[in-house]
Amino acid sequence: MRKRRTSHPWIEKSKKADLHLDLAIYIDIPPEVVERIKGKRSVMETLQTQQKVREVYKKLIARGRLISINGNRPADEVAKDILALALDLLLSRN
């Protein structure tokens, strides 16, 4: 029986690399909301797994590695926030 992978190759690669990102955004949507909207899709997308993943991202946000955006809003509002962050970054370089 093959062991099930718990991570994607790009995640493993990023763990090994010393990435210097200009902007990393986490669109925060409570797992309960995602489950209600999408339903359970795979073993990796159980509510418990998603809650654990969200906690990892919250730690990265607290350490300043990610910027969190409330994703529990209409898509156009989320998009405007992302665009504003990207534009602020680009304009600050000039």
PDB file of N, CA and C in Angstrom:
ATOM      1  N   MET A   1       0.838  -1.187   0.000  1.00  0.00           N
ATOM      2  CA  MET A   1       0.000   0.000   0.000  1.00  0.00           C
ATOM      3  C   MET A   1       0.882   1.249   0.000  1.00  0.00           C
ATOM      4  N   ARG A   2       0.607   2.144  -0.915  1.00  0.00           N
ATOM      5  CA  ARG A   2       1.398   3.370  -1.010  1.00  0.00           C
ATOM      6  C   ARG A   2       1.015   4.346   0.081  1.00  0.00           C
ATOM      7  N   LYS A   3       2.024   5.020   0.584  1.00  0.00           N
ATOM      8  CA  LYS A   3       1.773   6.061   1.576  1.00  0.00           C
ATOM      9  C   LYS A   3       1.209   7.285   0.867  1.00  0.00           C
ATOM     10  N   ARG A   4       0.158   7.832   1.398  1.00  0.00           N
ATOM     11  CA  ARG A   4      -0.476   9.010   0.807  1.00  0.00           C
ATOM     12  C   ARG A   4       0.367  10.250   1.098  1.00  0.00           C
ATOM     13  N   ARG A   5       0.585  11.034   0.074  1.00  0.00           N
ATOM     14  CA  ARG A   5       1.329  12.290   0.240  1.00  0.00           C
ATOM     15  C   ARG A   5       0.457  13.296   0.955  1.00  0.00           C
ATOM     16  N   THR A   6       1.053  14.018   1.858  1.00  0.00           N
ATOM     17  CA  THR A   6       0.302  15.033   2.591  1.00  0.00           C
ATOM     18  C   THR A   6       0.663  16.436   2.150  1.00  0.00           C
ATOM     19  N   SER A   7       1.503  16.522   1.132  1.00  0.00           N
ATOM     20  CA  SER A   7       1.948  17.834   0.693  1.00  0.00           C
ATOM     21  C   SER A   7       2.177  17.798  -0.812  1.00  0.00           C
ATOM     22  N   HIS A   8       2.135  18.941  -1.424  1.00  0.00           N
ATOM     23  CA  HIS A   8       2.422  19.051  -2.849  1.00  0.00           C
ATOM     24  C   HIS A   8       3.911  19.316  -3.031  1.00  0.00           C
ATOM     25  N   PRO A   9       4.485  18.921  -4.177  1.00  0.00           N
ATOM     26  CA  PRO A   9       5.920  19.135  -4.408  1.00  0.00           C
ATOM     27  C   PRO A   9       6.357  20.584  -4.240  1.00  0.00           C
ATOM     28  N   TRP A  10       5.541  21.547  -4.668  1.00  0.00           N
ATOM     29  CA  TRP A  10       5.960  22.952  -4.560  1.00  0.00           C
ATOM     30  C   TRP A  10       6.034  23.389  -3.105  1.00  0.00           C
ATOM     31  N   ILE A  11       5.222  22.788  -2.238  1.00  0.00           N
ATOM     32  CA  ILE A  11       5.292  23.120  -0.811  1.00  0.00           C
ATOM     33  C   ILE A  11       6.603  22.598  -0.244  1.00  0.00           C
ATOM     34  N   GLU A  12       6.947  21.371  -0.590  1.00  0.00           N
ATOM     35  CA  GLU A  12       8.206  20.797  -0.117  1.00  0.00           C
ATOM     36  C   GLU A  12       9.393  21.609  -0.613  1.00  0.00           C
ATOM     37  N   LYS A  13       9.353  22.009  -1.876  1.00  0.00           N
ATOM     38  CA  LYS A  13      10.441  22.809  -2.442  1.00  0.00           C
ATOM     39  C   LYS A  13      10.548  24.149  -1.721  1.00  0.00           C
ATOM     40  N   SER A  14       9.422  24.773  -1.425  1.00  0.00           N
ATOM     41  CA  SER A  14       9.453  26.080  -0.767  1.00  0.00           C
ATOM     42  C   SER A  14       9.968  25.978   0.659  1.00  0.00           C
ATOM     43  N   LYS A  15       9.756  24.826   1.302  1.00  0.00           N
ATOM     44  CA  LYS A  15      10.271  24.635   2.659  1.00  0.00           C
ATOM     45  C   LYS A  15      11.793  24.621   2.661  1.00  0.00           C
ATOM     46  N   LYS A  16      12.379  24.096   1.580  1.00  0.00           N
ATOM     47  CA  LYS A  16      13.830  23.978   1.486  1.00  0.00           C
ATOM     48  C   LYS A  16      14.478  25.264   0.987  1.00  0.00           C
ATOM     49  N   ALA A  17      13.751  26.019   0.223  1.00  0.00           N
ATOM     50  CA  ALA A  17      14.303  27.233  -0.381  1.00  0.00           C
ATOM     51  C   ALA A  17      14.199  28.405   0.584  1.00  0.00           C
ATOM     52  N   ASP A  18      15.105  29.325   0.424  1.00  0.00           N
ATOM     53  CA  ASP A  18      15.041  30.563   1.192  1.00  0.00           C
ATOM     54  C   ASP A  18      14.381  31.594   0.285  1.00  0.00           C
ATOM     55  N   LEU A  19      13.070  31.581   0.273  1.00  0.00           N
ATOM     56  CA  LEU A  19      12.327  32.449  -0.631  1.00  0.00           C
ATOM     57  C   LEU A  19      12.268  33.877  -0.098  1.00  0.00           C
ATOM     58  N   HIS A  20      12.487  34.810  -0.980  1.00  0.00           N
ATOM     59  CA  HIS A  20      12.379  36.227  -0.640  1.00  0.00           C
ATOM     60  C   HIS A  20      11.254  36.808  -1.484  1.00  0.00           C
ATOM     61  N   LEU A  21      10.076  36.750  -0.956  1.00  0.00           N
ATOM     62  CA  LEU A  21       8.910  37.223  -1.688  1.00  0.00           C
ATOM     63  C   LEU A  21       8.684  38.704  -1.429  1.00  0.00           C
ATOM     64  N   ASP A  22       8.272  39.397  -2.445  1.00  0.00           N
ATOM     65  CA  ASP A  22       7.910  40.799  -2.283  1.00  0.00           C
ATOM     66  C   ASP A  22       6.539  40.937  -1.637  1.00  0.00           C
ATOM     67  N   LEU A  23       5.666  40.006  -1.950  1.00  0.00           N
ATOM     68  CA  LEU A  23       4.302  40.072  -1.427  1.00  0.00           C
ATOM     69  C   LEU A  23       3.716  38.668  -1.402  1.00  0.00           C
ATOM     70  N   ALA A  24       3.244  38.269  -0.249  1.00  0.00           N
ATOM     71  CA  ALA A  24       2.568  36.973  -0.110  1.00  0.00           C
ATOM     72  C   ALA A  24       1.262  37.229   0.628  1.00  0.00           C
ATOM     73  N   ILE A  25       0.176  36.849  -0.002  1.00  0.00           N
ATOM     74  CA  ILE A  25      -1.151  37.145   0.529  1.00  0.00           C
ATOM     75  C   ILE A  25      -1.867  35.850   0.876  1.00  0.00           C
ATOM     76  N   TYR A  26      -2.474  35.830   2.043  1.00  0.00           N
ATOM     77  CA  TYR A  26      -3.318  34.714   2.465  1.00  0.00           C
ATOM     78  C   TYR A  26      -4.753  35.217   2.475  1.00  0.00           C
ATOM     79  N   ILE A  27      -5.584  34.612   1.658  1.00  0.00           N
ATOM     80  CA  ILE A  27      -7.002  34.973   1.644  1.00  0.00           C
ATOM     81  C   ILE A  27      -7.682  34.099   2.682  1.00  0.00           C
ATOM     82  N   ASP A  28      -8.039  34.709   3.787  1.00  0.00           N
ATOM     83  CA  ASP A  28      -8.554  33.985   4.948  1.00  0.00           C
ATOM     84  C   ASP A  28     -10.062  33.778   4.853  1.00  0.00           C
ATOM     85  N   ILE A  29     -10.434  32.519   4.734  1.00  0.00           N
ATOM     86  CA  ILE A  29     -11.841  32.133   4.746  1.00  0.00           C
ATOM     87  C   ILE A  29     -11.976  31.046   5.796  1.00  0.00           C
ATOM     88  N   PRO A  30     -12.833  31.229   6.786  1.00  0.00           N
ATOM     89  CA  PRO A  30     -12.987  30.202   7.816  1.00  0.00           C
ATOM     90  C   PRO A  30     -13.304  28.840   7.190  1.00  0.00           C
ATOM     91  N   PRO A  31     -12.631  27.775   7.641  1.00  0.00           N
ATOM     92  CA  PRO A  31     -12.876  26.440   7.086  1.00  0.00           C
ATOM     93  C   PRO A  31     -14.348  26.028   7.109  1.00  0.00           C
ATOM     94  N   GLU A  32     -15.063  26.468   8.115  1.00  0.00           N
ATOM     95  CA  GLU A  32     -16.480  26.123   8.203  1.00  0.00           C
ATOM     96  C   GLU A  32     -17.271  26.720   7.036  1.00  0.00           C
ATOM     97  N   VAL A  33     -16.871  27.911   6.623  1.00  0.00           N
ATOM     98  CA  VAL A  33     -17.536  28.564   5.494  1.00  0.00           C
ATOM     99  C   VAL A  33     -17.205  27.819   4.201  1.00  0.00           C
ATOM    100  N   VAL A  34     -15.941  27.472   4.033  1.00  0.00           N
ATOM    101  CA  VAL A  34     -15.529  26.742   2.832  1.00  0.00           C
ATOM    102  C   VAL A  34     -16.259  25.406   2.755  1.00  0.00           C
ATOM    103  N   GLU A  35     -16.324  24.707   3.870  1.00  0.00           N
ATOM    104  CA  GLU A  35     -17.000  23.407   3.881  1.00  0.00           C
ATOM    105  C   GLU A  35     -18.479  23.546   3.525  1.00  0.00           C
ATOM    106  N   ARG A  36     -19.098  24.577   4.037  1.00  0.00           N
ATOM    107  CA  ARG A  36     -20.517  24.788   3.753  1.00  0.00           C
ATOM    108  C   ARG A  36     -20.744  25.080   2.266  1.00  0.00           C
ATOM    109  N   ILE A  37     -19.841  25.864   1.687  1.00  0.00           N
ATOM    110  CA  ILE A  37     -19.988  26.258   0.288  1.00  0.00           C
ATOM    111  C   ILE A  37     -19.607  25.118  -0.660  1.00  0.00           C
ATOM    112  N   LYS A  38     -18.472  24.508  -0.409  1.00  0.00           N
ATOM    113  CA  LYS A  38     -17.928  23.530  -1.350  1.00  0.00           C
ATOM    114  C   LYS A  38     -18.216  22.083  -0.970  1.00  0.00           C
ATOM    115  N   GLY A  39     -18.431  21.814   0.301  1.00  0.00           N
ATOM    116  CA  GLY A  39     -18.586  20.427   0.726  1.00  0.00           C
ATOM    117  C   GLY A  39     -17.239  19.734   0.797  1.00  0.00           C
ATOM    118  N   LYS A  40     -17.201  18.552   1.389  1.00  0.00           N
ATOM    119  CA  LYS A  40     -15.957  17.804   1.523  1.00  0.00           C
ATOM    120  C   LYS A  40     -15.538  17.267   0.161  1.00  0.00           C
ATOM    121  N   ARG A  41     -14.280  17.493  -0.203  1.00  0.00           N
ATOM    122  CA  ARG A  41     -13.805  17.068  -1.524  1.00  0.00           C
ATOM    123  C   ARG A  41     -12.806  15.925  -1.451  1.00  0.00           C
ATOM    124  N   SER A  42     -11.965  15.904  -0.443  1.00  0.00           N
ATOM    125  CA  SER A  42     -10.953  14.853  -0.346  1.00  0.00           C
ATOM    126  C   SER A  42     -10.545  14.687   1.106  1.00  0.00           C
ATOM    127  N   VAL A  43      -9.711  13.689   1.341  1.00  0.00           N
ATOM    128  CA  VAL A  43      -9.209  13.451   2.693  1.00  0.00           C
ATOM    129  C   VAL A  43      -8.448  14.669   3.197  1.00  0.00           C
ATOM    130  N   MET A  44      -7.741  15.348   2.294  1.00  0.00           N
ATOM    131  CA  MET A  44      -6.940  16.507   2.686  1.00  0.00           C
ATOM    132  C   MET A  44      -7.795  17.745   2.928  1.00  0.00           C
ATOM    133  N   GLU A  45      -9.064  17.671   2.629  1.00  0.00           N
ATOM    134  CA  GLU A  45      -9.913  18.842   2.791  1.00  0.00           C
ATOM    135  C   GLU A  45     -10.979  18.647   3.864  1.00  0.00           C
ATOM    136  N   THR A  46     -10.681  17.827   4.858  1.00  0.00           N
ATOM    137  CA  THR A  46     -11.625  17.705   5.961  1.00  0.00           C
ATOM    138  C   THR A  46     -11.599  18.999   6.760  1.00  0.00           C
ATOM    139  N   LEU A  47     -12.642  19.240   7.506  1.00  0.00           N
ATOM    140  CA  LEU A  47     -12.712  20.450   8.323  1.00  0.00           C
ATOM    141  C   LEU A  47     -11.535  20.513   9.287  1.00  0.00           C
ATOM    142  N   GLN A  48     -11.209  19.404   9.912  1.00  0.00           N
ATOM    143  CA  GLN A  48     -10.104  19.377  10.871  1.00  0.00           C
ATOM    144  C   GLN A  48      -8.774  19.716  10.192  1.00  0.00           C
ATOM    145  N   THR A  49      -8.539  19.153   9.020  1.00  0.00           N
ATOM    146  CA  THR A  49      -7.300  19.445   8.298  1.00  0.00           C
ATOM    147  C   THR A  49      -7.231  20.915   7.920  1.00  0.00           C
ATOM    148  N   GLN A  50      -8.313  21.447   7.428  1.00  0.00           N
ATOM    149  CA  GLN A  50      -8.335  22.853   7.034  1.00  0.00           C
ATOM    150  C   GLN A  50      -8.130  23.780   8.227  1.00  0.00           C
ATOM    151  N   GLN A  51      -8.654  23.403   9.389  1.00  0.00           N
ATOM    152  CA  GLN A  51      -8.441  24.212  10.595  1.00  0.00           C
ATOM    153  C   GLN A  51      -6.968  24.211  10.980  1.00  0.00           C
ATOM    154  N   LYS A  52      -6.310  23.059  10.874  1.00  0.00           N
ATOM    155  CA  LYS A  52      -4.881  22.975  11.193  1.00  0.00           C
ATOM    156  C   LYS A  52      -4.057  23.809  10.211  1.00  0.00           C
ATOM    157  N   VAL A  53      -4.390  23.706   8.935  1.00  0.00           N
ATOM    158  CA  VAL A  53      -3.681  24.481   7.911  1.00  0.00           C
ATOM    159  C   VAL A  53      -3.854  25.977   8.172  1.00  0.00           C
ATOM    160  N   ARG A  54      -5.059  26.383   8.517  1.00  0.00           N
ATOM    161  CA  ARG A  54      -5.329  27.798   8.790  1.00  0.00           C
ATOM    162  C   ARG A  54      -4.483  28.298   9.961  1.00  0.00           C
ATOM    163  N   GLU A  55      -4.305  27.465  10.984  1.00  0.00           N
ATOM    164  CA  GLU A  55      -3.482  27.859  12.129  1.00  0.00           C
ATOM    165  C   GLU A  55      -2.025  28.057  11.724  1.00  0.00           C
ATOM    166  N   VAL A  56      -1.531  27.227  10.826  1.00  0.00           N
ATOM    167  CA  VAL A  56      -0.158  27.392  10.326  1.00  0.00           C
ATOM    168  C   VAL A  56      -0.029  28.733   9.610  1.00  0.00           C
ATOM    169  N   TYR A  57      -0.991  29.043   8.768  1.00  0.00           N
ATOM    170  CA  TYR A  57      -0.958  30.324   8.056  1.00  0.00           C
ATOM    171  C   TYR A  57      -1.061  31.498   9.023  1.00  0.00           C
ATOM    172  N   LYS A  58      -1.858  31.379  10.064  1.00  0.00           N
ATOM    173  CA  LYS A  58      -1.975  32.465  11.042  1.00  0.00           C
ATOM    174  C   LYS A  58      -0.639  32.719  11.740  1.00  0.00           C
ATOM    175  N   LYS A  59       0.130  31.668  11.973  1.00  0.00           N
ATOM    176  CA  LYS A  59       1.457  31.843  12.575  1.00  0.00           C
ATOM    177  C   LYS A  59       2.382  32.591  11.616  1.00  0.00           C
ATOM    178  N   LEU A  60       2.300  32.260  10.335  1.00  0.00           N
ATOM    179  CA  LEU A  60       3.113  32.968   9.338  1.00  0.00           C
ATOM    180  C   LEU A  60       2.707  34.437   9.245  1.00  0.00           C
ATOM    181  N   ILE A  61       1.423  34.701   9.361  1.00  0.00           N
ATOM    182  CA  ILE A  61       0.933  36.083   9.351  1.00  0.00           C
ATOM    183  C   ILE A  61       1.475  36.832  10.564  1.00  0.00           C
ATOM    184  N   ALA A  62       1.424  36.203  11.724  1.00  0.00           N
ATOM    185  CA  ALA A  62       1.910  36.829  12.960  1.00  0.00           C
ATOM    186  C   ALA A  62       3.401  37.136  12.879  1.00  0.00           C
ATOM    187  N   ARG A  63       4.147  36.326  12.135  1.00  0.00           N
ATOM    188  CA  ARG A  63       5.590  36.549  11.981  1.00  0.00           C
ATOM    189  C   ARG A  63       5.906  37.512  10.844  1.00  0.00           C
ATOM    190  N   GLY A  64       4.867  38.031  10.196  1.00  0.00           N
ATOM    191  CA  GLY A  64       5.085  38.997   9.129  1.00  0.00           C
ATOM    192  C   GLY A  64       5.445  38.391   7.792  1.00  0.00           C
ATOM    193  N   ARG A  65       5.252  37.096   7.630  1.00  0.00           N
ATOM    194  CA  ARG A  65       5.601  36.428   6.374  1.00  0.00           C
ATOM    195  C   ARG A  65       4.488  36.510   5.333  1.00  0.00           C
ATOM    196  N   LEU A  66       3.270  36.757   5.788  1.00  0.00           N
ATOM    197  CA  LEU A  66       2.111  36.846   4.903  1.00  0.00           C
ATOM    198  C   LEU A  66       1.252  38.027   5.309  1.00  0.00           C
ATOM    199  N   ILE A  67       0.501  38.527   4.360  1.00  0.00           N
ATOM    200  CA  ILE A  67      -0.512  39.536   4.649  1.00  0.00           C
ATOM    201  C   ILE A  67      -1.856  38.845   4.505  1.00  0.00           C
ATOM    202  N   SER A  68      -2.691  39.012   5.500  1.00  0.00           N
ATOM    203  CA  SER A  68      -3.997  38.362   5.501  1.00  0.00           C
ATOM    204  C   SER A  68      -5.069  39.304   4.975  1.00  0.00           C
ATOM    205  N   ILE A  69      -5.926  38.746   4.138  1.00  0.00           N
ATOM    206  CA  ILE A  69      -7.081  39.480   3.629  1.00  0.00           C
ATOM    207  C   ILE A  69      -8.320  38.673   3.979  1.00  0.00           C
ATOM    208  N   ASN A  70      -9.328  39.348   4.477  1.00  0.00           N
ATOM    209  CA  ASN A  70     -10.585  38.688   4.806  1.00  0.00           C
ATOM    210  C   ASN A  70     -11.258  38.226   3.517  1.00  0.00           C
ATOM    211  N   GLY A  71     -11.314  36.927   3.320  1.00  0.00           N
ATOM    212  CA  GLY A  71     -11.920  36.372   2.121  1.00  0.00           C
ATOM    213  C   GLY A  71     -13.386  36.036   2.281  1.00  0.00           C
ATOM    214  N   ASN A  72     -13.925  36.347   3.440  1.00  0.00           N
ATOM    215  CA  ASN A  72     -15.328  36.038   3.726  1.00  0.00           C
ATOM    216  C   ASN A  72     -16.209  37.230   3.341  1.00  0.00           C
ATOM    217  N   ARG A  73     -15.950  37.735   2.128  1.00  0.00           N
ATOM    218  CA  ARG A  73     -16.668  38.890   1.583  1.00  0.00           C
ATOM    219  C   ARG A  73     -16.885  38.660   0.097  1.00  0.00           C
ATOM    220  N   PRO A  74     -17.623  39.522  -0.547  1.00  0.00           N
ATOM    221  CA  PRO A  74     -17.790  39.380  -2.004  1.00  0.00           C
ATOM    222  C   PRO A  74     -16.437  39.409  -2.724  1.00  0.00           C
ATOM    223  N   ALA A  75     -16.339  38.624  -3.788  1.00  0.00           N
ATOM    224  CA  ALA A  75     -15.083  38.481  -4.526  1.00  0.00           C
ATOM    225  C   ALA A  75     -14.532  39.813  -5.021  1.00  0.00           C
ATOM    226  N   ASP A  76     -15.395  40.739  -5.432  1.00  0.00           N
ATOM    227  CA  ASP A  76     -14.892  42.020  -5.944  1.00  0.00           C
ATOM    228  C   ASP A  76     -14.229  42.837  -4.843  1.00  0.00           C
ATOM    229  N   GLU A  77     -14.712  42.736  -3.605  1.00  0.00           N
ATOM    230  CA  GLU A  77     -14.079  43.447  -2.485  1.00  0.00           C
ATOM    231  C   GLU A  77     -12.711  42.843  -2.177  1.00  0.00           C
ATOM    232  N   VAL A  78     -12.621  41.524  -2.193  1.00  0.00           N
ATOM    233  CA  VAL A  78     -11.346  40.846  -1.955  1.00  0.00           C
ATOM    234  C   VAL A  78     -10.354  41.239  -3.052  1.00  0.00           C
ATOM    235  N   ALA A  79     -10.806  41.230  -4.288  1.00  0.00           N
ATOM    236  CA  ALA A  79      -9.942  41.596  -5.416  1.00  0.00           C
ATOM    237  C   ALA A  79      -9.433  43.030  -5.289  1.00  0.00           C
ATOM    238  N   LYS A  80     -10.282  43.948  -4.856  1.00  0.00           N
ATOM    239  CA  LYS A  80      -9.864  45.346  -4.677  1.00  0.00           C
ATOM    240  C   LYS A  80      -8.771  45.453  -3.623  1.00  0.00           C
ATOM    241  N   ASP A  81      -8.898  44.700  -2.533  1.00  0.00           N
ATOM    242  CA  ASP A  81      -7.873  44.722  -1.486  1.00  0.00           C
ATOM    243  C   ASP A  81      -6.544  44.177  -2.004  1.00  0.00           C
ATOM    244  N   ILE A  82      -6.606  43.094  -2.770  1.00  0.00           N
ATOM    245  CA  ILE A  82      -5.384  42.511  -3.325  1.00  0.00           C
ATOM    246  C   ILE A  82      -4.730  43.486  -4.301  1.00  0.00           C
ATOM    247  N   LEU A  83      -5.523  44.087  -5.153  1.00  0.00           N
ATOM    248  CA  LEU A  83      -4.998  45.069  -6.102  1.00  0.00           C
ATOM    249  C   LEU A  83      -4.358  46.244  -5.372  1.00  0.00           C
ATOM    250  N   ALA A  84      -4.995  46.721  -4.316  1.00  0.00           N
ATOM    251  CA  ALA A  84      -4.451  47.845  -3.545  1.00  0.00           C
ATOM    252  C   ALA A  84      -3.100  47.483  -2.933  1.00  0.00           C
ATOM    253  N   LEU A  85      -2.972  46.278  -2.395  1.00  0.00           N
ATOM    254  CA  LEU A  85      -1.691  45.847  -1.822  1.00  0.00           C
ATOM    255  C   LEU A  85      -0.607  45.783  -2.896  1.00  0.00           C
ATOM    256  N   ALA A  86      -0.948  45.228  -4.043  1.00  0.00           N
ATOM    257  CA  ALA A  86       0.029  45.108  -5.126  1.00  0.00           C
ATOM    258  C   ALA A  86       0.447  46.484  -5.647  1.00  0.00           C
ATOM    259  N   LEU A  87      -0.514  47.366  -5.820  1.00  0.00           N
ATOM    260  CA  LEU A  87      -0.197  48.715  -6.301  1.00  0.00           C
ATOM    261  C   LEU A  87       0.644  49.480  -5.291  1.00  0.00           C
ATOM    262  N   ASP A  88       0.314  49.363  -4.010  1.00  0.00           N
ATOM    263  CA  ASP A  88       1.117  50.018  -2.971  1.00  0.00           C
ATOM    264  C   ASP A  88       2.563  49.550  -3.035  1.00  0.00           C
ATOM    265  N   LEU A  89       2.755  48.257  -3.210  1.00  0.00           N
ATOM    266  CA  LEU A  89       4.103  47.713  -3.298  1.00  0.00           C
ATOM    267  C   LEU A  89       4.831  48.262  -4.519  1.00  0.00           C
ATOM    268  N   LEU A  90       4.171  48.231  -5.650  1.00  0.00           N
ATOM    269  CA  LEU A  90       4.802  48.714  -6.882  1.00  0.00           C
ATOM    270  C   LEU A  90       5.104  50.207  -6.827  1.00  0.00           C
ATOM    271  N   LEU A  91       4.184  50.997  -6.306  1.00  0.00           N
ATOM    272  CA  LEU A  91       4.389  52.446  -6.233  1.00  0.00           C
ATOM    273  C   LEU A  91       5.453  52.824  -5.210  1.00  0.00           C
ATOM    274  N   SER A  92       5.630  52.014  -4.181  1.00  0.00           N
ATOM    275  CA  SER A  92       6.636  52.317  -3.159  1.00  0.00           C
ATOM    276  C   SER A  92       8.056  52.095  -3.678  1.00  0.00           C
ATOM    277  N   ARG A  93       8.188  51.438  -4.787  1.00  0.00           N
ATOM    278  CA  ARG A  93       9.519  51.166  -5.361  1.00  0.00           C
ATOM    279  C   ARG A  93      10.037  52.322  -6.192  1.00  0.00           C
ATOM    280  N   ASN A  94       9.204  53.261  -6.504  1.00  0.00           N
ATOM    281  CA  ASN A  94       9.628  54.387  -7.356  1.00  0.00           C
ATOM    282  C   ASN A  94      10.145  55.526  -6.554  1.00  0.00           C
TER     283      ASN A  94
END
